[in-house]
Amino acid sequence: MKRLDLAQISRLDFEAPDDTQFPALRMAREALRQGGFAPTILNAANEIAVAAFLDRRIGFLDITSVVEDCLAAFPHSEPDSLEGIYDMDARARAQADICIKALA
């Protein structure tokens, strides 16, 4: 594959992303806005869902639904310690596995 040479590109155009075409971007923004454990849950669920996709256990479009289901599975709360964040990460990963098994 040929390397991209940005010096040869005369112009780059950027547009605002369409949240309907990119639902994962919408979820990431919402998780950051919500705060608390939401970004932790999103990241953990996404890592498990992407691994399942790479292992061909789910389809590409299922990644978003797994993450969305995991975000909905936990009530909004704030972490009170680093251990709490690690615990929520583990719980979100376990929930993602449950969601993935339900898709199979």
C-alpha atoms as a PDB file:
ATOM      1  CA  MET A   1       0.000   0.000   0.000  1.00  0.00           C
ATOM      2  CA  LYS A   2       1.317   3.407  -0.957  1.00  0.00           C
ATOM      3  CA  ARG A   3       1.962   5.856   1.891  1.00  0.00           C
ATOM      4  CA  LEU A   4      -0.263   8.891   2.120  1.00  0.00           C
ATOM      5  CA  ASP A   5       1.698  12.034   1.353  1.00  0.00           C
ATOM      6  CA  LEU A   6      -0.180  14.972   2.860  1.00  0.00           C
ATOM      7  CA  ALA A   7       2.161  17.404   1.103  1.00  0.00           C
ATOM      8  CA  GLN A   8       0.718  16.264  -2.244  1.00  0.00           C
ATOM      9  CA  ILE A   9      -2.880  16.789  -1.163  1.00  0.00           C
ATOM     10  CA  SER A  10      -3.950  20.289  -2.075  1.00  0.00           C
ATOM     11  CA  ARG A  11      -7.121  20.417  -0.007  1.00  0.00           C
ATOM     12  CA  LEU A  12      -8.927  18.587   2.761  1.00  0.00           C
ATOM     13  CA  ASP A  13     -12.621  19.188   3.448  1.00  0.00           C
ATOM     14  CA  PHE A  14     -14.274  18.385   6.750  1.00  0.00           C
ATOM     15  CA  GLU A  15     -17.962  18.199   7.552  1.00  0.00           C
ATOM     16  CA  ALA A  16     -19.856  17.661  10.775  1.00  0.00           C
ATOM     17  CA  PRO A  17     -20.445  13.919  11.220  1.00  0.00           C
ATOM     18  CA  ASP A  18     -23.974  12.607  10.823  1.00  0.00           C
ATOM     19  CA  ASP A  19     -24.989  10.943  14.099  1.00  0.00           C
ATOM     20  CA  THR A  20     -27.466   8.684  12.302  1.00  0.00           C
ATOM     21  CA  GLN A  21     -24.694   7.314  10.086  1.00  0.00           C
ATOM     22  CA  PHE A  22     -22.228   7.121  12.977  1.00  0.00           C
ATOM     23  CA  PRO A  23     -24.205   6.029  16.073  1.00  0.00           C
ATOM     24  CA  ALA A  24     -21.055   5.071  17.974  1.00  0.00           C
ATOM     25  CA  LEU A  25     -19.869   8.668  17.780  1.00  0.00           C
ATOM     26  CA  ARG A  26     -23.217   9.821  19.165  1.00  0.00           C
ATOM     27  CA  MET A  27     -22.939   7.325  22.029  1.00  0.00           C
ATOM     28  CA  ALA A  28     -19.382   8.415  22.823  1.00  0.00           C
ATOM     29  CA  ARG A  29     -20.409  12.069  22.964  1.00  0.00           C
ATOM     30  CA  GLU A  30     -23.377  11.211  25.169  1.00  0.00           C
ATOM     31  CA  ALA A  31     -21.212   9.119  27.504  1.00  0.00           C
ATOM     32  CA  LEU A  32     -18.765  12.003  27.879  1.00  0.00           C
ATOM     33  CA  ARG A  33     -21.613  14.441  28.490  1.00  0.00           C
ATOM     34  CA  GLN A  34     -23.202  12.129  31.049  1.00  0.00           C
ATOM     35  CA  GLY A  35     -19.931  11.470  32.833  1.00  0.00           C
ATOM     36  CA  GLY A  36     -19.765   9.164  35.814  1.00  0.00           C
ATOM     37  CA  PHE A  37     -19.235   5.559  34.839  1.00  0.00           C
ATOM     38  CA  ALA A  38     -20.665   6.001  31.319  1.00  0.00           C
ATOM     39  CA  PRO A  39     -17.271   6.435  29.565  1.00  0.00           C
ATOM     40  CA  THR A  40     -15.904   3.399  31.441  1.00  0.00           C
ATOM     41  CA  ILE A  41     -18.902   1.290  30.433  1.00  0.00           C
ATOM     42  CA  LEU A  42     -18.691   2.454  26.823  1.00  0.00           C
ATOM     43  CA  ASN A  43     -14.985   1.651  26.570  1.00  0.00           C
ATOM     44  CA  ALA A  44     -15.233  -1.761  28.232  1.00  0.00           C
ATOM     45  CA  ALA A  45     -18.252  -2.844  26.191  1.00  0.00           C
ATOM     46  CA  ASN A  46     -16.677  -1.592  22.977  1.00  0.00           C
ATOM     47  CA  GLU A  47     -13.457  -3.544  23.596  1.00  0.00           C
ATOM     48  CA  ILE A  48     -15.404  -6.772  24.201  1.00  0.00           C
ATOM     49  CA  ALA A  49     -17.711  -6.185  21.221  1.00  0.00           C
ATOM     50  CA  VAL A  50     -14.824  -5.405  18.857  1.00  0.00           C
ATOM     51  CA  ALA A  51     -13.013  -8.556  20.014  1.00  0.00           C
ATOM     52  CA  ALA A  52     -16.183 -10.576  19.346  1.00  0.00           C
ATOM     53  CA  PHE A  53     -16.430  -9.035  15.882  1.00  0.00           C
ATOM     54  CA  LEU A  54     -12.788  -9.847  15.119  1.00  0.00           C
ATOM     55  CA  ASP A  55     -13.464 -13.421  16.292  1.00  0.00           C
ATOM     56  CA  ARG A  56     -16.451 -13.476  13.892  1.00  0.00           C
ATOM     57  CA  ARG A  57     -18.942 -14.057  16.718  1.00  0.00           C
ATOM     58  CA  ILE A  58     -20.962 -10.924  15.911  1.00  0.00           C
ATOM     59  CA  GLY A  59     -21.414  -8.676  12.909  1.00  0.00           C
ATOM     60  CA  PHE A  60     -19.851  -5.240  12.579  1.00  0.00           C
ATOM     61  CA  LEU A  61     -23.152  -3.437  13.120  1.00  0.00           C
ATOM     62  CA  ASP A  62     -23.755  -5.471  16.287  1.00  0.00           C
ATOM     63  CA  ILE A  63     -20.879  -3.658  18.012  1.00  0.00           C
ATOM     64  CA  THR A  64     -23.002  -0.553  18.469  1.00  0.00           C
ATOM     65  CA  SER A  65     -26.002  -2.459  19.800  1.00  0.00           C
ATOM     66  CA  VAL A  66     -23.843  -4.298  22.358  1.00  0.00           C
ATOM     67  CA  VAL A  67     -22.387  -1.016  23.602  1.00  0.00           C
ATOM     68  CA  GLU A  68     -25.798   0.653  23.690  1.00  0.00           C
ATOM     69  CA  ASP A  69     -27.327  -2.260  25.623  1.00  0.00           C
ATOM     70  CA  CYS A  70     -24.483  -2.145  28.134  1.00  0.00           C
ATOM     71  CA  LEU A  71     -24.876   1.589  28.669  1.00  0.00           C
ATOM     72  CA  ALA A  72     -28.596   1.052  29.297  1.00  0.00           C
ATOM     73  CA  ALA A  73     -27.967  -1.830  31.724  1.00  0.00           C
ATOM     74  CA  PHE A  74     -26.364   0.313  34.415  1.00  0.00           C
ATOM     75  CA  PRO A  75     -27.930   3.272  36.223  1.00  0.00           C
ATOM     76  CA  HIS A  76     -26.019   6.545  36.157  1.00  0.00           C
ATOM     77  CA  SER A  77     -23.642   6.819  39.087  1.00  0.00           C
ATOM     78  CA  GLU A  78     -20.352   8.449  39.928  1.00  0.00           C
ATOM     79  CA  PRO A  79     -17.165   6.531  40.729  1.00  0.00           C
ATOM     80  CA  ASP A  80     -15.947   6.979  44.283  1.00  0.00           C
ATOM     81  CA  SER A  81     -12.590   5.257  43.903  1.00  0.00           C
ATOM     82  CA  LEU A  82     -10.191   3.728  41.423  1.00  0.00           C
ATOM     83  CA  GLU A  83     -11.318   0.304  42.629  1.00  0.00           C
ATOM     84  CA  GLY A  84     -14.891   1.303  41.774  1.00  0.00           C
ATOM     85  CA  ILE A  85     -13.822   2.115  38.230  1.00  0.00           C
ATOM     86  CA  TYR A  86     -12.045  -1.239  37.891  1.00  0.00           C
ATOM     87  CA  ASP A  87     -15.133  -2.988  39.255  1.00  0.00           C
ATOM     88  CA  MET A  88     -17.455  -1.227  36.810  1.00  0.00           C
ATOM     89  CA  ASP A  89     -15.086  -2.046  33.952  1.00  0.00           C
ATOM     90  CA  ALA A  90     -15.280  -5.743  34.863  1.00  0.00           C
ATOM     91  CA  ARG A  91     -19.066  -5.608  35.258  1.00  0.00           C
ATOM     92  CA  ALA A  92     -19.484  -3.874  31.890  1.00  0.00           C
ATOM     93  CA  ARG A  93     -17.276  -6.468  30.204  1.00  0.00           C
ATOM     94  CA  ALA A  94     -19.365  -9.265  31.729  1.00  0.00           C
ATOM     95  CA  GLN A  95     -22.559  -7.531  30.578  1.00  0.00           C
ATOM     96  CA  ALA A  96     -21.132  -7.186  27.070  1.00  0.00           C
ATOM     97  CA  ASP A  97     -20.474 -10.935  27.016  1.00  0.00           C
ATOM     98  CA  ILE A  98     -24.108 -11.534  28.005  1.00  0.00           C
ATOM     99  CA  CYS A  99     -25.303  -9.229  25.215  1.00  0.00           C
ATOM    100  CA  ILE A 100     -23.062 -10.974  22.683  1.00  0.00           C
ATOM    101  CA  LYS A 101     -24.324 -14.421  23.690  1.00  0.00           C
ATOM    102  CA  ALA A 102     -27.898 -13.174  23.284  1.00  0.00           C
ATOM    103  CA  LEU A 103     -27.107 -12.187  19.682  1.00  0.00           C
ATOM    104  CA  ALA A 104     -25.822 -15.653  18.777  1.00  0.00           C
END
